[in-house]
C-alpha atoms as a PDB file:
ATOM      1  CA  MET A   1       0.000   0.000   0.000  1.00  0.00           C
ATOM      2  CA  SER A   2       1.426   3.387  -1.003  1.00  0.00           C
ATOM      3  CA  TYR A   3       1.951   6.204   1.470  1.00  0.00           C
ATOM      4  CA  LEU A   4      -1.035   8.109   0.115  1.00  0.00           C
ATOM      5  CA  LYS A   5      -3.284   5.054   0.310  1.00  0.00           C
ATOM      6  CA  LYS A   6      -2.321   4.544   3.956  1.00  0.00           C
ATOM      7  CA  ILE A   7      -3.102   8.182   4.723  1.00  0.00           C
ATOM      8  CA  PHE A   8      -6.404   8.035   2.833  1.00  0.00           C
ATOM      9  CA  SER A   9      -7.335   4.829   4.659  1.00  0.00           C
ATOM     10  CA  GLY A  10      -6.722   6.703   7.908  1.00  0.00           C
ATOM     11  CA  VAL A  11      -8.820   9.636   6.693  1.00  0.00           C
ATOM     12  CA  CYS A  12     -11.703   7.251   5.935  1.00  0.00           C
ATOM     13  CA  ALA A  13     -11.475   5.826   9.450  1.00  0.00           C
ATOM     14  CA  GLY A  14     -11.402   9.365  10.863  1.00  0.00           C
ATOM     15  CA  ILE A  15     -14.554  10.275   8.944  1.00  0.00           C
ATOM     16  CA  LEU A  16     -16.374   7.229  10.322  1.00  0.00           C
ATOM     17  CA  ILE A  17     -15.248   7.968  13.889  1.00  0.00           C
ATOM     18  CA  SER A  18     -16.555  11.515  13.370  1.00  0.00           C
ATOM     19  CA  ILE A  19     -19.942  10.141  12.330  1.00  0.00           C
ATOM     20  CA  GLY A  20     -19.996   7.964  15.436  1.00  0.00           C
ATOM     21  CA  GLY A  21     -19.020  10.948  17.567  1.00  0.00           C
ATOM     22  CA  SER A  22     -21.711  13.085  15.948  1.00  0.00           C
ATOM     23  CA  VAL A  23     -24.502  10.652  16.748  1.00  0.00           C
ATOM     24  CA  PHE A  24     -23.197  10.361  20.311  1.00  0.00           C
ATOM     25  CA  LEU A  25     -23.335  14.156  20.701  1.00  0.00           C
ATOM     26  CA  ALA A  26     -26.804  14.243  19.148  1.00  0.00           C
ATOM     27  CA  CYS A  27     -28.312  11.683  21.542  1.00  0.00           C
ATOM     28  CA  ASP A  28     -29.911  12.938  24.738  1.00  0.00           C
ATOM     29  CA  ASN A  29     -29.660   9.396  26.081  1.00  0.00           C
ATOM     30  CA  ARG A  30     -25.957   8.532  26.551  1.00  0.00           C
ATOM     31  CA  TYR A  31     -26.720   4.799  26.502  1.00  0.00           C
ATOM     32  CA  ALA A  32     -28.324   5.068  23.072  1.00  0.00           C
ATOM     33  CA  GLY A  33     -25.441   7.267  21.911  1.00  0.00           C
ATOM     34  CA  ALA A  34     -22.870   4.748  23.118  1.00  0.00           C
ATOM     35  CA  VAL A  35     -24.569   1.908  21.258  1.00  0.00           C
ATOM     36  CA  LEU A  36     -24.998   3.912  18.047  1.00  0.00           C
ATOM     37  CA  PHE A  37     -21.330   4.951  18.127  1.00  0.00           C
ATOM     38  CA  THR A  38     -20.468   1.326  17.314  1.00  0.00           C
ATOM     39  CA  VAL A  39     -21.466   1.981  13.689  1.00  0.00           C
ATOM     40  CA  ALA A  40     -18.081   3.668  13.315  1.00  0.00           C
ATOM     41  CA  LEU A  41     -15.853   0.744  14.306  1.00  0.00           C
ATOM     42  CA  LEU A  42     -18.150  -1.818  12.698  1.00  0.00           C
ATOM     43  CA  CYS A  43     -17.762  -0.104   9.322  1.00  0.00           C
ATOM     44  CA  ILE A  44     -14.023   0.468   9.865  1.00  0.00           C
ATOM     45  CA  CYS A  45     -13.455  -3.240  10.560  1.00  0.00           C
ATOM     46  CA  LEU A  46     -15.642  -4.433   7.705  1.00  0.00           C
ATOM     47  CA  LYS A  47     -14.039  -2.036   5.216  1.00  0.00           C
ATOM     48  CA  GLY A  48     -10.502  -2.539   6.498  1.00  0.00           C
ATOM     49  CA  TYR A  49      -9.755   1.142   7.098  1.00  0.00           C
ATOM     50  CA  SER A  50      -6.742   2.183   9.172  1.00  0.00           C
ATOM     51  CA  LEU A  51      -7.667   3.274  12.704  1.00  0.00           C
ATOM     52  CA  TYR A  52      -4.671   3.857  14.972  1.00  0.00           C
ATOM     53  CA  THR A  53      -6.371   2.635  18.140  1.00  0.00           C
ATOM     54  CA  GLY A  54      -7.507  -0.536  16.405  1.00  0.00           C
ATOM     55  CA  ARG A  55      -4.088  -1.382  14.956  1.00  0.00           C
ATOM     56  CA  ILE A  56      -1.458  -0.296  17.472  1.00  0.00           C
ATOM     57  CA  GLY A  57      -1.874  -3.424  19.625  1.00  0.00           C
ATOM     58  CA  PHE A  58      -0.718  -5.649  16.776  1.00  0.00           C
ATOM     59  CA  ILE A  59       2.694  -3.977  16.721  1.00  0.00           C
ATOM     60  CA  VAL A  60       3.740  -6.540  19.342  1.00  0.00           C
ATOM     61  CA  GLU A  61       3.738  -9.207  16.626  1.00  0.00           C
ATOM     62  CA  SER A  62       4.375  -7.004  13.587  1.00  0.00           C
ATOM     63  CA  HIS A  63       7.083  -4.752  15.015  1.00  0.00           C
ATOM     64  CA  ASP A  64       8.834  -3.799  11.808  1.00  0.00           C
ATOM     65  CA  LYS A  65       9.454  -0.462  10.096  1.00  0.00           C
ATOM     66  CA  GLU A  66       6.732  -1.000   7.509  1.00  0.00           C
ATOM     67  CA  TYR A  67       4.038  -1.628  10.124  1.00  0.00           C
ATOM     68  CA  PHE A  68       5.221   1.290  12.260  1.00  0.00           C
ATOM     69  CA  GLY A  69       5.221   3.537   9.192  1.00  0.00           C
ATOM     70  CA  GLY A  70       1.712   2.443   8.327  1.00  0.00           C
ATOM     71  CA  LEU A  71       0.554   3.229  11.868  1.00  0.00           C
ATOM     72  CA  THR A  72       2.088   6.706  11.709  1.00  0.00           C
ATOM     73  CA  LEU A  73       0.531   7.491   8.335  1.00  0.00           C
ATOM     74  CA  GLY A  74      -2.787   6.051   9.495  1.00  0.00           C
ATOM     75  CA  LEU A  75      -2.724   8.261  12.589  1.00  0.00           C
ATOM     76  CA  LEU A  76      -2.020  11.285  10.403  1.00  0.00           C
ATOM     77  CA  GLY A  77      -5.004  10.340   8.248  1.00  0.00           C
ATOM     78  CA  ASN A  78      -7.168   9.829  11.358  1.00  0.00           C
ATOM     79  CA  ALA A  79      -6.264  13.340  12.515  1.00  0.00           C
ATOM     80  CA  ILE A  80      -7.026  14.873   9.108  1.00  0.00           C
ATOM     81  CA  GLY A  81     -10.380  13.096   8.896  1.00  0.00           C
ATOM     82  CA  THR A  82     -11.567  13.888  12.414  1.00  0.00           C
ATOM     83  CA  ILE A  83     -10.366  17.479  12.557  1.00  0.00           C
ATOM     84  CA  GLY A  84     -11.842  18.283   9.151  1.00  0.00           C
ATOM     85  CA  CYS A  85     -15.157  16.658  10.052  1.00  0.00           C
ATOM     86  CA  GLY A  86     -15.160  18.296  13.477  1.00  0.00           C
ATOM     87  CA  TYR A  87     -14.983  21.794  12.038  1.00  0.00           C
ATOM     88  CA  ALA A  88     -17.571  20.905   9.389  1.00  0.00           C
ATOM     89  CA  ILE A  89     -19.999  19.570  12.013  1.00  0.00           C
ATOM     90  CA  ARG A  90     -19.498  22.674  14.159  1.00  0.00           C
ATOM     91  CA  LEU A  91     -20.397  24.817  11.154  1.00  0.00           C
ATOM     92  CA  ALA A  92     -23.343  22.737   9.939  1.00  0.00           C
ATOM     93  CA  LEU A  93     -24.773  21.671  13.312  1.00  0.00           C
ATOM     94  CA  PRO A  94     -24.010  24.351  15.928  1.00  0.00           C
ATOM     95  CA  LYS A  95     -25.886  22.461  18.662  1.00  0.00           C
ATOM     96  CA  LEU A  96     -23.500  19.550  18.299  1.00  0.00           C
ATOM     97  CA  GLY A  97     -20.620  22.005  18.524  1.00  0.00           C
ATOM     98  CA  GLU A  98     -22.041  23.310  21.794  1.00  0.00           C
ATOM     99  CA  ALA A  99     -22.411  19.760  23.122  1.00  0.00           C
ATOM    100  CA  ALA A 100     -18.824  19.024  22.134  1.00  0.00           C
ATOM    101  CA  GLU A 101     -17.629  22.183  23.887  1.00  0.00           C
ATOM    102  CA  THR A 102     -19.310  21.103  27.145  1.00  0.00           C
ATOM    103  CA  LEU A 103     -17.893  17.591  26.804  1.00  0.00           C
ATOM    104  CA  CYS A 104     -14.350  18.793  26.117  1.00  0.00           C
ATOM    105  CA  ALA A 105     -14.379  21.358  28.911  1.00  0.00           C
ATOM    106  CA  GLY A 106     -15.009  18.478  31.311  1.00  0.00           C
ATOM    107  CA  LYS A 107     -12.186  16.464  29.788  1.00  0.00           C
ATOM    108  CA  LEU A 108      -9.731  19.300  30.347  1.00  0.00           C
ATOM    109  CA  ASP A 109     -10.565  19.266  34.055  1.00  0.00           C
ATOM    110  CA  GLN A 110      -8.998  15.806  34.353  1.00  0.00           C
ATOM    111  CA  THR A 111      -5.491  15.398  35.728  1.00  0.00           C
ATOM    112  CA  PHE A 112      -2.734  13.897  33.584  1.00  0.00           C
ATOM    113  CA  ILE A 113      -2.870  10.563  35.409  1.00  0.00           C
ATOM    114  CA  GLN A 114      -6.671  10.379  35.166  1.00  0.00           C
ATOM    115  CA  THR A 115      -6.522  10.957  31.423  1.00  0.00           C
ATOM    116  CA  LEU A 116      -3.686   8.470  30.967  1.00  0.00           C
ATOM    117  CA  ILE A 117      -5.484   5.695  32.868  1.00  0.00           C
ATOM    118  CA  ARG A 118      -8.719   6.323  30.992  1.00  0.00           C
ATOM    119  CA  GLY A 119      -6.767   6.090  27.753  1.00  0.00           C
ATOM    120  CA  ILE A 120      -5.109   2.836  28.827  1.00  0.00           C
ATOM    121  CA  PHE A 121      -8.389   1.081  29.573  1.00  0.00           C
ATOM    122  CA  CYS A 122      -9.852   2.262  26.278  1.00  0.00           C
ATOM    123  CA  GLY A 123      -6.780   0.859  24.513  1.00  0.00           C
ATOM    124  CA  VAL A 124      -7.367  -2.553  26.094  1.00  0.00           C
ATOM    125  CA  LEU A 125     -10.968  -2.602  24.890  1.00  0.00           C
ATOM    126  CA  MET A 126     -10.099  -1.390  21.396  1.00  0.00           C
ATOM    127  CA  TYR A 127      -7.512  -4.134  21.015  1.00  0.00           C
ATOM    128  CA  LEU A 128     -10.046  -6.729  22.169  1.00  0.00           C
ATOM    129  CA  ALA A 129     -12.739  -5.458  19.793  1.00  0.00           C
ATOM    130  CA  VAL A 130     -10.491  -5.607  16.728  1.00  0.00           C
ATOM    131  CA  SER A 131      -8.587  -8.783  17.644  1.00  0.00           C
ATOM    132  CA  ILE A 132     -11.822 -10.708  18.233  1.00  0.00           C
ATOM    133  CA  TYR A 133     -13.068  -9.537  14.845  1.00  0.00           C
ATOM    134  CA  LYS A 134      -9.829 -10.597  13.132  1.00  0.00           C
ATOM    135  CA  GLU A 135      -9.385 -13.918  14.909  1.00  0.00           C
ATOM    136  CA  LYS A 136     -13.018 -15.055  15.132  1.00  0.00           C
ATOM    137  CA  ASN A 137     -14.500 -13.156  12.169  1.00  0.00           C
ATOM    138  CA  ASN A 138     -17.121 -11.943  14.626  1.00  0.00           C
ATOM    139  CA  VAL A 139     -18.273  -8.403  15.458  1.00  0.00           C
ATOM    140  CA  ILE A 140     -19.436  -9.268  18.991  1.00  0.00           C
ATOM    141  CA  GLY A 141     -16.335  -7.611  20.462  1.00  0.00           C
ATOM    142  CA  VAL A 142     -17.093  -4.372  18.640  1.00  0.00           C
ATOM    143  CA  ILE A 143     -20.743  -4.385  19.674  1.00  0.00           C
ATOM    144  CA  PHE A 144     -19.889  -4.691  23.364  1.00  0.00           C
ATOM    145  CA  CYS A 145     -16.420  -3.145  23.804  1.00  0.00           C
ATOM    146  CA  ILE A 146     -17.276   0.211  22.232  1.00  0.00           C
ATOM    147  CA  PRO A 147     -20.319   1.038  24.400  1.00  0.00           C
ATOM    148  CA  VAL A 148     -18.382  -0.212  27.437  1.00  0.00           C
ATOM    149  CA  PHE A 149     -15.463   2.194  26.963  1.00  0.00           C
ATOM    150  CA  ILE A 150     -17.833   5.112  26.301  1.00  0.00           C
ATOM    151  CA  LEU A 151     -20.139   4.472  29.257  1.00  0.00           C
ATOM    152  CA  ALA A 152     -17.192   3.801  31.577  1.00  0.00           C
ATOM    153  CA  GLY A 153     -15.737   7.210  30.719  1.00  0.00           C
ATOM    154  CA  PHE A 154     -12.554   5.917  29.086  1.00  0.00           C
ATOM    155  CA  GLU A 155     -10.780   8.110  26.525  1.00  0.00           C
ATOM    156  CA  HIS A 156     -10.408   7.341  22.808  1.00  0.00           C
ATOM    157  CA  SER A 157      -7.810   9.597  21.169  1.00  0.00           C
ATOM    158  CA  ILE A 158      -9.284   9.652  17.665  1.00  0.00           C
ATOM    159  CA  ALA A 159     -12.806  10.342  18.909  1.00  0.00           C
ATOM    160  CA  ASP A 160     -11.378  13.067  21.164  1.00  0.00           C
ATOM    161  CA  LEU A 161      -9.705  14.680  18.149  1.00  0.00           C
ATOM    162  CA  PHE A 162     -13.159  14.979  16.600  1.00  0.00           C
ATOM    163  CA  TYR A 163     -14.770  16.282  19.781  1.00  0.00           C
ATOM    164  CA  PHE A 164     -12.141  18.986  20.268  1.00  0.00           C
ATOM    165  CA  ALA A 165     -12.350  20.084  16.635  1.00  0.00           C
ATOM    166  CA  ALA A 166     -16.143  20.244  16.889  1.00  0.00           C
ATOM    167  CA  SER A 167     -15.860  22.165  20.171  1.00  0.00           C
ATOM    168  CA  GLY A 168     -13.641  24.853  18.689  1.00  0.00           C
ATOM    169  CA  ILE A 169     -11.299  24.595  21.673  1.00  0.00           C
ATOM    170  CA  VAL A 170      -7.705  25.105  20.556  1.00  0.00           C
ATOM    171  CA  SER A 171      -5.067  25.353  23.286  1.00  0.00           C
ATOM    172  CA  LEU A 172      -1.799  23.871  24.510  1.00  0.00           C
ATOM    173  CA  LYS A 173      -3.765  22.096  27.230  1.00  0.00           C
ATOM    174  CA  ALA A 174      -6.021  20.470  24.634  1.00  0.00           C
ATOM    175  CA  PHE A 175      -2.971  19.479  22.587  1.00  0.00           C
ATOM    176  CA  GLY A 176      -1.369  17.901  25.652  1.00  0.00           C
ATOM    177  CA  PHE A 177      -4.619  16.133  26.491  1.00  0.00           C
ATOM    178  CA  ILE A 178      -4.801  14.482  23.061  1.00  0.00           C
ATOM    179  CA  TRP A 179      -1.204  13.249  23.211  1.00  0.00           C
ATOM    180  CA  THR A 180      -1.786  11.898  26.711  1.00  0.00           C
ATOM    181  CA  VAL A 181      -4.748   9.902  25.432  1.00  0.00           C
ATOM    182  CA  ILE A 182      -2.738   8.642  22.451  1.00  0.00           C
ATOM    183  CA  LEU A 183      -0.065   7.451  24.892  1.00  0.00           C
ATOM    184  CA  GLY A 184      -2.678   5.795  27.079  1.00  0.00           C
ATOM    185  CA  ASN A 185      -4.369   4.084  24.138  1.00  0.00           C
ATOM    186  CA  THR A 186      -0.990   2.821  22.943  1.00  0.00           C
ATOM    187  CA  VAL A 187      -0.005   1.394  26.321  1.00  0.00           C
ATOM    188  CA  GLY A 188      -3.421  -0.176  26.852  1.00  0.00           C
ATOM    189  CA  ALA A 189      -3.533  -1.767  23.419  1.00  0.00           C
ATOM    190  CA  VAL A 190      -0.235  -3.614  23.867  1.00  0.00           C
ATOM    191  CA  ILE A 191      -0.833  -4.924  27.412  1.00  0.00           C
ATOM    192  CA  LEU A 192      -2.792  -8.065  26.496  1.00  0.00           C
ATOM    193  CA  PRO A 193      -0.738  -9.018  23.427  1.00  0.00           C
ATOM    194  CA  LEU A 194       2.497  -8.526  25.398  1.00  0.00           C
ATOM    195  CA  LEU A 195       1.259 -10.759  28.210  1.00  0.00           C
ATOM    196  CA  THR A 196       0.046 -13.346  25.703  1.00  0.00           C
ATOM    197  CA  PHE A 197       3.291 -13.185  23.750  1.00  0.00           C
ATOM    198  CA  LYS A 198       5.370 -13.692  26.898  1.00  0.00           C
ATOM    199  CA  GLY A 199       3.116 -16.538  27.949  1.00  0.00           C
ATOM    200  CA  LYS A 200       3.580 -18.280  24.599  1.00  0.00           C
ATOM    201  CA  ALA A 201       7.344 -17.782  24.751  1.00  0.00           C
ATOM    202  CA  LYS A 202       7.520 -19.354  28.202  1.00  0.00           C
ATOM    203  CA  ASN A 203       5.428 -22.334  27.102  1.00  0.00           C
ATOM    204  CA  GLU A 204       7.622 -22.904  24.077  1.00  0.00           C
ATOM    205  CA  LYS A 205      10.799 -22.805  26.218  1.00  0.00           C
ATOM    206  CA  GLY A 206       9.267 -24.990  28.896  1.00  0.00           C
END
């Protein structure tokens, strides 16, 4: 896959996450919003688009330059897609922009460690959702893991990129928040595969 294709695949994933984020903001009932958000990852998995949070966990097994490069380009595409859609939604649907502003203001009240931990747990769930789909060819992980991370209050970096763009909040604090969530998602996504990988290695030696 060429560099541009990897970026465009990331943009497509970012657009779908933005749609999921939009319906979440539009729902008065957060439970309904959390369930409807799953349309984003369902379509991303079925279409094979590049979503950073869904792919970073697999770097444990595919830790080569090509995979890392693809992740980086995919993340760039995710950012382009979500930020572009966020500003478009704020312009077209001001009420959603207001909802995003309220949501993001609350996020910025979190401490660094709170944000990091929330990002880690989201990363665990995102890895599970995608790995179950890949290994079992089953979307059950997506259907349950996505509402769980939303309702639990965990942080998803790509969705947060959309929310902050839609909110119109641009600041160093917001920038630091996003990178903290990216770090948390990354750490969380590799926890289970690292433990599994070490377990397999021990069994093979034993």
